[in-house]
Amino acid sequence: MRELLLEEAMDWLMRMNETPQDAEVDRQWQAWMQRSDMHVAAWTRICRTWAALGEQPPLIKARLVQPEGNARRTPRRRPYVATATLLIAGLAAVIFGPALRMRLEADFRTSAGETEVVTLADGSRVTLAPETAIAEGFDPALRRIKLLSGEAYFEVTRDPQRPFTVEASNASVRVLGTAFGVRETQEGTRVELASGSISLTPGRAEDAIPLSPGDVVTVAKGSGEVKHGRIDPGEIALWREGKLSVSDETLGDVVALIERQHPAWIRLPEDLASLRVTGLYDLQNPDQALAAVVSPFGLHVQTISPYLRIISRK
């Protein structure tokens, strides 16, 4: 939903560039903006990114600032159109570059609040959490899945002749037949083993780390530092049942997990993101889960609109 609104806002920006004096486009844009605060937030983000790319051409300023009194719009000059077109291309790269690449590469993907169970050609099952994307690459010698974003739970059909590999941004997991979860977090790539055995290779390391059921390994972004932990295997990927189980995870990561289940943007101050959270939460009501997560820290969730939540100190 959030990505779709950003795409719509980008489309409006392009239409305004192409038809700078079209009153009907203005009217339709105003109607789009009035649909919700979430639409306004998407437009604001697009405009701020536009401004960060360089000076705003006059044809866009008219839409960002309402004219006063009977002030008339100044005729646009065609040289600005070429400049605006280049800036729009830059804006698309900044806002949608990673998303477009992911969409082109992904074989399966989910949106906010959506889960999906995928049965692969070998009979293995992959359950995608909300806002997750994977790419499939099977050949006669190897079964390969790339986790492009989000979190997925794998139930792998045993095949000694064809190892099953999951590649994430900071680690890769190699198995023959087992059940495990892989998630991209703000800290890095997190792997949780529910049953069987797997070997995990951090980043570009050559030595693999063997995991047993209940083992949790997080490979840090950038440094490749490996952090080990333990979890009840029965609590792995409880989001499949509408629950969220976390153990010593950052508040930033936990809020991001809840946001995937929520139609709203959730804003958390950066200085609070490193707080550690442990608990079991009900995702059937994301707002209640969010309040339960932040309240022990003396924090408060402000409901700005159906599409925006802000976490702040009381």
C-alpha atoms as a PDB file:
ATOM      1  CA  MET A   1       0.000   0.000   0.000  1.00  0.00           C
ATOM      2  CA  ARG A   2       2.753   2.491   0.966  1.00  0.00           C
ATOM      3  CA  GLU A   3       4.809   1.661  -2.129  1.00  0.00           C
ATOM      4  CA  LEU A   4       1.723   1.980  -4.334  1.00  0.00           C
ATOM      5  CA  LEU A   5       0.977   5.480  -3.015  1.00  0.00           C
ATOM      6  CA  LEU A   6       4.568   6.571  -3.650  1.00  0.00           C
ATOM      7  CA  GLU A   7       4.232   5.313  -7.212  1.00  0.00           C
ATOM      8  CA  GLU A   8       0.978   7.245  -7.606  1.00  0.00           C
ATOM      9  CA  ALA A   9       2.597  10.410  -6.218  1.00  0.00           C
ATOM     10  CA  MET A  10       5.473   9.972  -8.655  1.00  0.00           C
ATOM     11  CA  ASP A  11       2.960   9.585 -11.484  1.00  0.00           C
ATOM     12  CA  TRP A  12       1.286  12.870 -10.500  1.00  0.00           C
ATOM     13  CA  LEU A  13       4.647  14.619 -10.530  1.00  0.00           C
ATOM     14  CA  MET A  14       5.321  13.361 -14.048  1.00  0.00           C
ATOM     15  CA  ARG A  15       1.848  14.357 -15.272  1.00  0.00           C
ATOM     16  CA  MET A  16       2.312  17.857 -13.865  1.00  0.00           C
ATOM     17  CA  ASN A  17       5.624  18.130 -15.650  1.00  0.00           C
ATOM     18  CA  GLU A  18       4.074  17.054 -18.950  1.00  0.00           C
ATOM     19  CA  THR A  19       0.962  19.282 -18.659  1.00  0.00           C
ATOM     20  CA  PRO A  20       2.025  22.224 -16.462  1.00  0.00           C
ATOM     21  CA  GLN A  21      -1.057  24.388 -17.163  1.00  0.00           C
ATOM     22  CA  ASP A  22      -3.768  21.730 -17.354  1.00  0.00           C
ATOM     23  CA  ALA A  23      -6.596  22.720 -14.986  1.00  0.00           C
ATOM     24  CA  GLU A  24      -8.137  19.241 -15.156  1.00  0.00           C
ATOM     25  CA  VAL A  25      -4.880  17.654 -13.976  1.00  0.00           C
ATOM     26  CA  ASP A  26      -4.840  20.142 -11.092  1.00  0.00           C
ATOM     27  CA  ARG A  27      -8.400  19.215 -10.167  1.00  0.00           C
ATOM     28  CA  GLN A  28      -7.704  15.479 -10.254  1.00  0.00           C
ATOM     29  CA  TRP A  29      -4.520  15.918  -8.214  1.00  0.00           C
ATOM     30  CA  GLN A  30      -6.402  17.890  -5.546  1.00  0.00           C
ATOM     31  CA  ALA A  31      -9.014  15.119  -5.345  1.00  0.00           C
ATOM     32  CA  TRP A  32      -6.261  12.519  -4.978  1.00  0.00           C
ATOM     33  CA  MET A  33      -4.593  14.519  -2.187  1.00  0.00           C
ATOM     34  CA  GLN A  34      -7.873  14.787  -0.254  1.00  0.00           C
ATOM     35  CA  ARG A  35      -8.424  11.034  -0.115  1.00  0.00           C
ATOM     36  CA  SER A  36      -6.335  10.551   3.065  1.00  0.00           C
ATOM     37  CA  ASP A  37      -3.419  11.798   5.145  1.00  0.00           C
ATOM     38  CA  MET A  38      -1.440   8.887   3.746  1.00  0.00           C
ATOM     39  CA  HIS A  39      -1.751  10.349   0.241  1.00  0.00           C
ATOM     40  CA  VAL A  40      -0.470  13.689   1.554  1.00  0.00           C
ATOM     41  CA  ALA A  41       2.445  11.944   3.268  1.00  0.00           C
ATOM     42  CA  ALA A  42       3.392  10.150   0.043  1.00  0.00           C
ATOM     43  CA  TRP A  43       3.258  13.408  -1.937  1.00  0.00           C
ATOM     44  CA  THR A  44       5.333  15.182   0.718  1.00  0.00           C
ATOM     45  CA  ARG A  45       8.017  12.517   0.577  1.00  0.00           C
ATOM     46  CA  ILE A  46       8.202  12.719  -3.211  1.00  0.00           C
ATOM     47  CA  CYS A  47       8.477  16.516  -3.096  1.00  0.00           C
ATOM     48  CA  ARG A  48      11.173  16.497  -0.415  1.00  0.00           C
ATOM     49  CA  THR A  49      13.231  14.010  -2.373  1.00  0.00           C
ATOM     50  CA  TRP A  50      12.706  16.118  -5.493  1.00  0.00           C
ATOM     51  CA  ALA A  51      13.989  19.175  -3.652  1.00  0.00           C
ATOM     52  CA  ALA A  52      17.017  17.256  -2.399  1.00  0.00           C
ATOM     53  CA  LEU A  53      18.002  16.482  -5.993  1.00  0.00           C
ATOM     54  CA  GLY A  54      18.370  20.141  -6.891  1.00  0.00           C
ATOM     55  CA  GLU A  55      16.539  23.437  -7.379  1.00  0.00           C
ATOM     56  CA  GLN A  56      12.847  23.010  -8.075  1.00  0.00           C
ATOM     57  CA  PRO A  57      11.788  24.167 -11.541  1.00  0.00           C
ATOM     58  CA  PRO A  58       8.932  26.723 -11.521  1.00  0.00           C
ATOM     59  CA  LEU A  59       6.490  24.236 -13.069  1.00  0.00           C
ATOM     60  CA  ILE A  60       6.620  22.222  -9.843  1.00  0.00           C
ATOM     61  CA  LYS A  61       6.641  25.153  -7.426  1.00  0.00           C
ATOM     62  CA  ALA A  62       3.106  26.045  -8.464  1.00  0.00           C
ATOM     63  CA  ARG A  63       1.894  22.759  -7.019  1.00  0.00           C
ATOM     64  CA  LEU A  64       3.865  23.084  -3.804  1.00  0.00           C
ATOM     65  CA  VAL A  65       2.764  26.621  -2.928  1.00  0.00           C
ATOM     66  CA  GLN A  66      -0.805  27.824  -3.296  1.00  0.00           C
ATOM     67  CA  PRO A  67      -1.117  31.206  -5.093  1.00  0.00           C
ATOM     68  CA  GLU A  68      -2.326  34.104  -2.947  1.00  0.00           C
ATOM     69  CA  GLY A  69      -5.307  36.264  -3.830  1.00  0.00           C
ATOM     70  CA  ASN A  70      -5.730  36.749  -7.558  1.00  0.00           C
ATOM     71  CA  ALA A  71      -2.134  36.012  -8.368  1.00  0.00           C
ATOM     72  CA  ARG A  72      -1.846  34.412 -11.793  1.00  0.00           C
ATOM     73  CA  ARG A  73       0.413  31.571 -12.703  1.00  0.00           C
ATOM     74  CA  THR A  74       3.537  32.561 -14.547  1.00  0.00           C
ATOM     75  CA  PRO A  75       3.811  30.926 -17.975  1.00  0.00           C
ATOM     76  CA  ARG A  76       6.293  28.068 -17.969  1.00  0.00           C
ATOM     77  CA  ARG A  77       9.253  28.018 -20.267  1.00  0.00           C
ATOM     78  CA  ARG A  78      10.086  24.923 -22.256  1.00  0.00           C
ATOM     79  CA  PRO A  79      13.787  24.740 -21.201  1.00  0.00           C
ATOM     80  CA  TYR A  80      12.577  23.831 -17.737  1.00  0.00           C
ATOM     81  CA  VAL A  81      10.865  20.731 -19.103  1.00  0.00           C
ATOM     82  CA  ALA A  82      14.127  19.040 -20.049  1.00  0.00           C
ATOM     83  CA  THR A  83      15.596  19.910 -16.659  1.00  0.00           C
ATOM     84  CA  ALA A  84      12.519  18.596 -14.886  1.00  0.00           C
ATOM     85  CA  THR A  85      12.615  15.388 -16.892  1.00  0.00           C
ATOM     86  CA  LEU A  86      16.182  14.732 -15.792  1.00  0.00           C
ATOM     87  CA  LEU A  87      15.285  15.470 -12.182  1.00  0.00           C
ATOM     88  CA  ILE A  88      12.303  13.142 -12.370  1.00  0.00           C
ATOM     89  CA  ALA A  89      14.596  10.394 -13.606  1.00  0.00           C
ATOM     90  CA  GLY A  90      16.872  11.063 -10.647  1.00  0.00           C
ATOM     91  CA  LEU A  91      13.912  11.099  -8.292  1.00  0.00           C
ATOM     92  CA  ALA A  92      12.710   7.745  -9.586  1.00  0.00           C
ATOM     93  CA  ALA A  93      16.164   6.287  -9.027  1.00  0.00           C
ATOM     94  CA  VAL A  94      16.267   7.548  -5.433  1.00  0.00           C
ATOM     95  CA  ILE A  95      12.724   6.544  -4.456  1.00  0.00           C
ATOM     96  CA  PHE A  96      12.118   3.460  -6.558  1.00  0.00           C
ATOM     97  CA  GLY A  97      15.565   2.216  -7.594  1.00  0.00           C
ATOM     98  CA  PRO A  98      15.785  -0.648  -5.081  1.00  0.00           C
ATOM     99  CA  ALA A  99      12.046  -1.354  -5.279  1.00  0.00           C
ATOM    100  CA  LEU A 100      12.082  -1.517  -9.078  1.00  0.00           C
ATOM    101  CA  ARG A 101      15.091  -3.829  -9.095  1.00  0.00           C
ATOM    102  CA  MET A 102      13.415  -6.041  -6.500  1.00  0.00           C
ATOM    103  CA  ARG A 103      10.144  -6.140  -8.446  1.00  0.00           C
ATOM    104  CA  LEU A 104      11.938  -7.136 -11.635  1.00  0.00           C
ATOM    105  CA  GLU A 105      13.959  -9.830  -9.870  1.00  0.00           C
ATOM    106  CA  ALA A 106      11.252 -11.236  -7.571  1.00  0.00           C
ATOM    107  CA  ASP A 107       9.312 -14.358  -8.494  1.00  0.00           C
ATOM    108  CA  PHE A 108       7.059 -14.064  -5.436  1.00  0.00           C
ATOM    109  CA  ARG A 109       6.285 -11.037  -3.248  1.00  0.00           C
ATOM    110  CA  THR A 110       3.783  -9.894  -0.622  1.00  0.00           C
ATOM    111  CA  SER A 111       2.410  -6.518   0.456  1.00  0.00           C
ATOM    112  CA  ALA A 112       1.834  -5.061   3.942  1.00  0.00           C
ATOM    113  CA  GLY A 113      -0.435  -7.280   6.047  1.00  0.00           C
ATOM    114  CA  GLU A 114      -0.291 -10.120   3.508  1.00  0.00           C
ATOM    115  CA  THR A 115       1.276 -13.593   3.837  1.00  0.00           C
ATOM    116  CA  GLU A 116       1.590 -16.233   1.151  1.00  0.00           C
ATOM    117  CA  VAL A 117       2.509 -19.926   1.082  1.00  0.00           C
ATOM    118  CA  VAL A 118       4.447 -20.946  -2.030  1.00  0.00           C
ATOM    119  CA  THR A 119       5.033 -24.569  -3.045  1.00  0.00           C
ATOM    120  CA  LEU A 120       8.216 -24.862  -5.076  1.00  0.00           C
ATOM    121  CA  ALA A 121       8.849 -27.288  -7.931  1.00  0.00           C
ATOM    122  CA  ASP A 122      10.589 -29.790  -5.614  1.00  0.00           C
ATOM    123  CA  GLY A 123       7.702 -29.810  -3.129  1.00  0.00           C
ATOM    124  CA  SER A 124       9.400 -27.501  -0.616  1.00  0.00           C
ATOM    125  CA  ARG A 125       7.160 -24.869   0.974  1.00  0.00           C
ATOM    126  CA  VAL A 126       8.051 -21.236   1.569  1.00  0.00           C
ATOM    127  CA  THR A 127       5.832 -19.021   3.721  1.00  0.00           C
ATOM    128  CA  LEU A 128       6.368 -15.338   2.951  1.00  0.00           C
ATOM    129  CA  ALA A 129       5.817 -12.792   5.723  1.00  0.00           C
ATOM    130  CA  PRO A 130       4.303  -9.391   4.860  1.00  0.00           C
ATOM    131  CA  GLU A 131       6.430  -7.119   2.629  1.00  0.00           C
ATOM    132  CA  THR A 132       8.680  -9.973   1.514  1.00  0.00           C
ATOM    133  CA  ALA A 133      10.164 -10.829  -1.875  1.00  0.00           C
ATOM    134  CA  ILE A 134      12.077 -13.889  -3.060  1.00  0.00           C
ATOM    135  CA  ALA A 135      13.637 -15.023  -6.333  1.00  0.00           C
ATOM    136  CA  GLU A 136      13.786 -18.685  -7.358  1.00  0.00           C
ATOM    137  CA  GLY A 137      16.742 -20.247  -9.154  1.00  0.00           C
ATOM    138  CA  PHE A 138      16.476 -24.022  -9.541  1.00  0.00           C
ATOM    139  CA  ASP A 139      18.695 -26.129 -11.805  1.00  0.00           C
ATOM    140  CA  PRO A 140      19.478 -29.872 -12.037  1.00  0.00           C
ATOM    141  CA  ALA A 141      22.316 -29.589  -9.496  1.00  0.00           C
ATOM    142  CA  LEU A 142      21.120 -26.975  -7.003  1.00  0.00           C
ATOM    143  CA  ARG A 143      17.969 -25.478  -5.496  1.00  0.00           C
ATOM    144  CA  ARG A 144      18.547 -21.786  -4.838  1.00  0.00           C
ATOM    145  CA  ILE A 145      16.304 -19.097  -3.307  1.00  0.00           C
ATOM    146  CA  LYS A 146      17.324 -15.459  -2.888  1.00  0.00           C
ATOM    147  CA  LEU A 147      15.655 -13.479  -0.093  1.00  0.00           C
ATOM    148  CA  LEU A 148      15.381  -9.995  -1.588  1.00  0.00           C
ATOM    149  CA  SER A 149      13.566  -8.404   1.368  1.00  0.00           C
ATOM    150  CA  GLY A 150      11.495  -9.237   4.431  1.00  0.00           C
ATOM    151  CA  GLU A 151      11.229 -12.651   6.095  1.00  0.00           C
ATOM    152  CA  ALA A 152      10.418 -16.184   4.991  1.00  0.00           C
ATOM    153  CA  TYR A 153      10.006 -19.593   6.613  1.00  0.00           C
ATOM    154  CA  PHE A 154      11.306 -22.594   4.678  1.00  0.00           C
ATOM    155  CA  GLU A 155      10.151 -26.224   4.918  1.00  0.00           C
ATOM    156  CA  VAL A 156      12.597 -28.006   2.645  1.00  0.00           C
ATOM    157  CA  THR A 157      11.977 -31.364   0.983  1.00  0.00           C
ATOM    158  CA  ARG A 158      14.987 -33.596   1.487  1.00  0.00           C
ATOM    159  CA  ASP A 159      17.064 -34.286  -1.623  1.00  0.00           C
ATOM    160  CA  PRO A 160      20.694 -35.334  -0.961  1.00  0.00           C
ATOM    161  CA  GLN A 161      21.540 -34.904  -4.644  1.00  0.00           C
ATOM    162  CA  ARG A 162      20.367 -31.275  -4.784  1.00  0.00           C
ATOM    163  CA  PRO A 163      21.276 -29.051  -1.826  1.00  0.00           C
ATOM    164  CA  PHE A 164      18.868 -26.210  -1.023  1.00  0.00           C
ATOM    165  CA  THR A 165      20.478 -22.781  -0.616  1.00  0.00           C
ATOM    166  CA  VAL A 166      18.963 -19.537   0.644  1.00  0.00           C
ATOM    167  CA  GLU A 167      20.965 -16.397  -0.096  1.00  0.00           C
ATOM    168  CA  ALA A 168      20.356 -13.222   1.931  1.00  0.00           C
ATOM    169  CA  SER A 169      22.177  -9.898   1.984  1.00  0.00           C
ATOM    170  CA  ASN A 170      24.686 -10.861   4.694  1.00  0.00           C
ATOM    171  CA  ALA A 171      24.679 -14.665   4.751  1.00  0.00           C
ATOM    172  CA  SER A 172      23.780 -17.837   2.902  1.00  0.00           C
ATOM    173  CA  VAL A 173      22.208 -21.016   4.281  1.00  0.00           C
ATOM    174  CA  ARG A 174      22.773 -24.485   2.816  1.00  0.00           C
ATOM    175  CA  VAL A 175      20.531 -27.451   3.698  1.00  0.00           C
ATOM    176  CA  LEU A 176      19.382 -30.847   2.458  1.00  0.00           C
ATOM    177  CA  GLY A 177      16.011 -31.016   4.209  1.00  0.00           C
ATOM    178  CA  THR A 178      14.879 -29.010   7.234  1.00  0.00           C
ATOM    179  CA  ALA A 179      12.708 -26.113   8.475  1.00  0.00           C
ATOM    180  CA  PHE A 180      14.107 -22.678   9.248  1.00  0.00           C
ATOM    181  CA  GLY A 181      13.431 -18.956   9.037  1.00  0.00           C
ATOM    182  CA  VAL A 182      15.461 -16.162   7.449  1.00  0.00           C
ATOM    183  CA  ARG A 183      14.799 -12.475   8.022  1.00  0.00           C
ATOM    184  CA  GLU A 184      16.423  -9.236   6.893  1.00  0.00           C
ATOM    185  CA  THR A 185      16.622  -6.855   9.888  1.00  0.00           C
ATOM    186  CA  GLN A 186      18.096  -3.422  10.583  1.00  0.00           C
ATOM    187  CA  GLU A 187      21.028  -5.175  12.278  1.00  0.00           C
ATOM    188  CA  GLY A 188      21.666  -7.718   9.535  1.00  0.00           C
ATOM    189  CA  THR A 189      20.514 -11.161   8.399  1.00  0.00           C
ATOM    190  CA  ARG A 190      18.879 -13.346  11.071  1.00  0.00           C
ATOM    191  CA  VAL A 191      18.558 -17.127  10.712  1.00  0.00           C
ATOM    192  CA  GLU A 192      16.497 -19.342  13.072  1.00  0.00           C
ATOM    193  CA  LEU A 193      16.534 -23.147  12.840  1.00  0.00           C
ATOM    194  CA  ALA A 194      13.323 -25.001  13.762  1.00  0.00           C
ATOM    195  CA  SER A 195      14.275 -28.579  12.859  1.00  0.00           C
ATOM    196  CA  GLY A 196      16.987 -30.569  11.126  1.00  0.00           C
ATOM    197  CA  SER A 197      20.415 -29.053  10.557  1.00  0.00           C
ATOM    198  CA  ILE A 198      21.852 -26.351   8.340  1.00  0.00           C
ATOM    199  CA  SER A 199      25.174 -24.696   7.649  1.00  0.00           C
ATOM    200  CA  LEU A 200      25.373 -20.910   7.523  1.00  0.00           C
ATOM    201  CA  THR A 201      28.096 -18.954   5.750  1.00  0.00           C
ATOM    202  CA  PRO A 202      28.420 -15.301   6.859  1.00  0.00           C
ATOM    203  CA  GLY A 203      29.018 -12.839   4.032  1.00  0.00           C
ATOM    204  CA  ARG A 204      32.146 -13.725   2.096  1.00  0.00           C
ATOM    205  CA  ALA A 205      33.534 -16.053   4.753  1.00  0.00           C
ATOM    206  CA  GLU A 206      34.763 -19.454   3.627  1.00  0.00           C
ATOM    207  CA  ASP A 207      33.979 -21.401   6.803  1.00  0.00           C
ATOM    208  CA  ALA A 208      30.376 -22.432   7.406  1.00  0.00           C
ATOM    209  CA  ILE A 209      28.734 -22.441  10.844  1.00  0.00           C
ATOM    210  CA  PRO A 210      26.648 -25.532  11.714  1.00  0.00           C
ATOM    211  CA  LEU A 211      23.295 -24.840  13.405  1.00  0.00           C
ATOM    212  CA  SER A 212      21.109 -27.090  15.548  1.00  0.00           C
ATOM    213  CA  PRO A 213      17.361 -26.711  16.260  1.00  0.00           C
ATOM    214  CA  GLY A 214      16.742 -23.616  18.385  1.00  0.00           C
ATOM    215  CA  ASP A 215      19.929 -21.873  17.252  1.00  0.00           C
ATOM    216  CA  VAL A 216      19.662 -18.235  16.190  1.00  0.00           C
ATOM    217  CA  VAL A 217      22.434 -16.489  14.285  1.00  0.00           C
ATOM    218  CA  THR A 218      22.516 -12.838  13.224  1.00  0.00           C
ATOM    219  CA  VAL A 219      25.167 -11.682  10.748  1.00  0.00           C
ATOM    220  CA  ALA A 220      25.724  -7.933  11.093  1.00  0.00           C
ATOM    221  CA  LYS A 221      25.563  -5.633   8.102  1.00  0.00           C
ATOM    222  CA  GLY A 222      28.909  -4.325   6.939  1.00  0.00           C
ATOM    223  CA  SER A 223      31.153  -5.899   9.584  1.00  0.00           C
ATOM    224  CA  GLY A 224      29.898  -9.454   9.133  1.00  0.00           C
ATOM    225  CA  GLU A 225      30.085  -9.946  12.905  1.00  0.00           C
ATOM    226  CA  VAL A 226      28.250 -13.101  13.993  1.00  0.00           C
ATOM    227  CA  LYS A 227      25.957 -13.090  17.037  1.00  0.00           C
ATOM    228  CA  HIS A 228      24.661 -16.388  18.455  1.00  0.00           C
ATOM    229  CA  GLY A 229      21.475 -16.961  20.445  1.00  0.00           C
ATOM    230  CA  ARG A 230      18.871 -19.554  21.364  1.00  0.00           C
ATOM    231  CA  ILE A 231      15.107 -19.704  20.935  1.00  0.00           C
ATOM    232  CA  ASP A 232      12.349 -22.230  21.554  1.00  0.00           C
ATOM    233  CA  PRO A 233      11.981 -23.932  18.143  1.00  0.00           C
ATOM    234  CA  GLY A 234       8.211 -23.812  18.604  1.00  0.00           C
ATOM    235  CA  GLU A 235       8.324 -20.014  18.627  1.00  0.00           C
ATOM    236  CA  ILE A 236      10.056 -19.663  15.281  1.00  0.00           C
ATOM    237  CA  ALA A 237       7.968 -17.914  12.601  1.00  0.00           C
ATOM    238  CA  LEU A 238       4.930 -17.559  14.868  1.00  0.00           C
ATOM    239  CA  TRP A 239       3.813 -14.730  12.558  1.00  0.00           C
ATOM    240  CA  ARG A 240       2.296 -17.541  10.474  1.00  0.00           C
ATOM    241  CA  GLU A 241      -0.221 -17.883  13.331  1.00  0.00           C
ATOM    242  CA  GLY A 242      -0.722 -14.151  13.835  1.00  0.00           C
ATOM    243  CA  LYS A 243       1.749 -13.868  16.719  1.00  0.00           C
ATOM    244  CA  LEU A 244       5.111 -12.167  17.137  1.00  0.00           C
ATOM    245  CA  SER A 245       7.774 -13.753  19.348  1.00  0.00           C
ATOM    246  CA  VAL A 246      10.986 -11.762  19.857  1.00  0.00           C
ATOM    247  CA  SER A 247      13.990 -12.354  22.090  1.00  0.00           C
ATOM    248  CA  ASP A 248      16.539  -9.601  22.723  1.00  0.00           C
ATOM    249  CA  GLU A 249      15.807  -7.832  19.440  1.00  0.00           C
ATOM    250  CA  THR A 250      16.058  -4.092  18.840  1.00  0.00           C
ATOM    251  CA  LEU A 251      12.980  -1.920  19.188  1.00  0.00           C
ATOM    252  CA  GLY A 252      13.614  -0.685  15.654  1.00  0.00           C
ATOM    253  CA  ASP A 253      13.409  -4.213  14.241  1.00  0.00           C
ATOM    254  CA  VAL A 254      10.311  -5.099  16.280  1.00  0.00           C
ATOM    255  CA  VAL A 255       8.498  -1.927  15.198  1.00  0.00           C
ATOM    256  CA  ALA A 256       9.429  -2.715  11.587  1.00  0.00           C
ATOM    257  CA  LEU A 257       7.903  -6.194  11.968  1.00  0.00           C
ATOM    258  CA  ILE A 258       4.655  -4.739  13.314  1.00  0.00           C
ATOM    259  CA  GLU A 259       4.619  -2.110  10.563  1.00  0.00           C
ATOM    260  CA  ARG A 260       4.546  -4.899   7.981  1.00  0.00           C
ATOM    261  CA  GLN A 261       1.212  -5.973   9.475  1.00  0.00           C
ATOM    262  CA  HIS A 262      -0.163  -2.420   9.702  1.00  0.00           C
ATOM    263  CA  PRO A 263      -1.672  -0.164   7.003  1.00  0.00           C
ATOM    264  CA  ALA A 264      -0.011   2.896   8.576  1.00  0.00           C
ATOM    265  CA  TRP A 265       3.474   4.310   8.586  1.00  0.00           C
ATOM    266  CA  ILE A 266       5.009   3.956  12.062  1.00  0.00           C
ATOM    267  CA  ARG A 267       7.643   6.524  12.991  1.00  0.00           C
ATOM    268  CA  LEU A 268      10.189   5.751  15.741  1.00  0.00           C
ATOM    269  CA  PRO A 269      12.832   8.290  16.891  1.00  0.00           C
ATOM    270  CA  GLU A 270      16.291   7.096  15.902  1.00  0.00           C
ATOM    271  CA  ASP A 271      17.664   7.358  19.437  1.00  0.00           C
ATOM    272  CA  LEU A 272      15.107   4.781  20.636  1.00  0.00           C
ATOM    273  CA  ALA A 273      15.689   2.189  17.924  1.00  0.00           C
ATOM    274  CA  SER A 274      18.504   0.380  19.777  1.00  0.00           C
ATOM    275  CA  LEU A 275      16.430  -0.495  22.868  1.00  0.00           C
ATOM    276  CA  ARG A 276      16.136  -4.272  23.359  1.00  0.00           C
ATOM    277  CA  VAL A 277      12.806  -6.118  23.353  1.00  0.00           C
ATOM    278  CA  THR A 278      11.747  -9.591  24.493  1.00  0.00           C
ATOM    279  CA  GLY A 279       8.147 -10.795  24.487  1.00  0.00           C
ATOM    280  CA  LEU A 280       5.200 -12.470  22.776  1.00  0.00           C
ATOM    281  CA  TYR A 281       2.664 -10.212  21.039  1.00  0.00           C
ATOM    282  CA  ASP A 282      -0.663 -10.691  19.246  1.00  0.00           C
ATOM    283  CA  LEU A 283      -0.521  -9.404  15.674  1.00  0.00           C
ATOM    284  CA  GLN A 284      -4.277  -9.729  15.165  1.00  0.00           C
ATOM    285  CA  ASN A 285      -4.466  -6.179  16.563  1.00  0.00           C
ATOM    286  CA  PRO A 286      -1.270  -4.399  15.437  1.00  0.00           C
ATOM    287  CA  ASP A 287      -2.064  -1.229  17.418  1.00  0.00           C
ATOM    288  CA  GLN A 288      -2.370  -3.159  20.680  1.00  0.00           C
ATOM    289  CA  ALA A 289       0.815  -5.070  19.889  1.00  0.00           C
ATOM    290  CA  LEU A 290       2.652  -1.811  19.207  1.00  0.00           C
ATOM    291  CA  ALA A 291       1.455  -0.279  22.488  1.00  0.00           C
ATOM    292  CA  ALA A 292       2.499  -3.409  24.405  1.00  0.00           C
ATOM    293  CA  VAL A 293       5.980  -3.262  22.861  1.00  0.00           C
ATOM    294  CA  VAL A 294       6.717   0.396  23.650  1.00  0.00           C
ATOM    295  CA  SER A 295       4.909   0.941  26.977  1.00  0.00           C
ATOM    296  CA  PRO A 296       7.586  -0.764  29.172  1.00  0.00           C
ATOM    297  CA  PHE A 297      10.007   1.952  28.028  1.00  0.00           C
ATOM    298  CA  GLY A 298       7.639   4.755  29.032  1.00  0.00           C
ATOM    299  CA  LEU A 299       6.813   5.452  25.395  1.00  0.00           C
ATOM    300  CA  HIS A 300       3.495   6.437  23.855  1.00  0.00           C
ATOM    301  CA  VAL A 301       1.943   5.772  20.443  1.00  0.00           C
ATOM    302  CA  GLN A 302       0.226   8.807  18.931  1.00  0.00           C
ATOM    303  CA  THR A 303      -2.454   8.078  16.342  1.00  0.00           C
ATOM    304  CA  ILE A 304      -2.137  10.968  13.908  1.00  0.00           C
ATOM    305  CA  SER A 305      -4.461   9.407  11.333  1.00  0.00           C
ATOM    306  CA  PRO A 306      -5.481   5.918  10.193  1.00  0.00           C
ATOM    307  CA  TYR A 307      -2.295   5.954   8.138  1.00  0.00           C
ATOM    308  CA  LEU A 308       0.274   7.397  10.549  1.00  0.00           C
ATOM    309  CA  ARG A 309       1.525   6.446  14.021  1.00  0.00           C
ATOM    310  CA  ILE A 310       4.269   8.303  15.894  1.00  0.00           C
ATOM    311  CA  ILE A 311       6.095   6.813  18.886  1.00  0.00           C
ATOM    312  CA  SER A 312       7.229   9.379  21.452  1.00  0.00           C
ATOM    313  CA  ARG A 313       8.168   9.756  25.090  1.00  0.00           C
ATOM    314  CA  LYS A 314       5.244  10.397  27.421  1.00  0.00           C
END
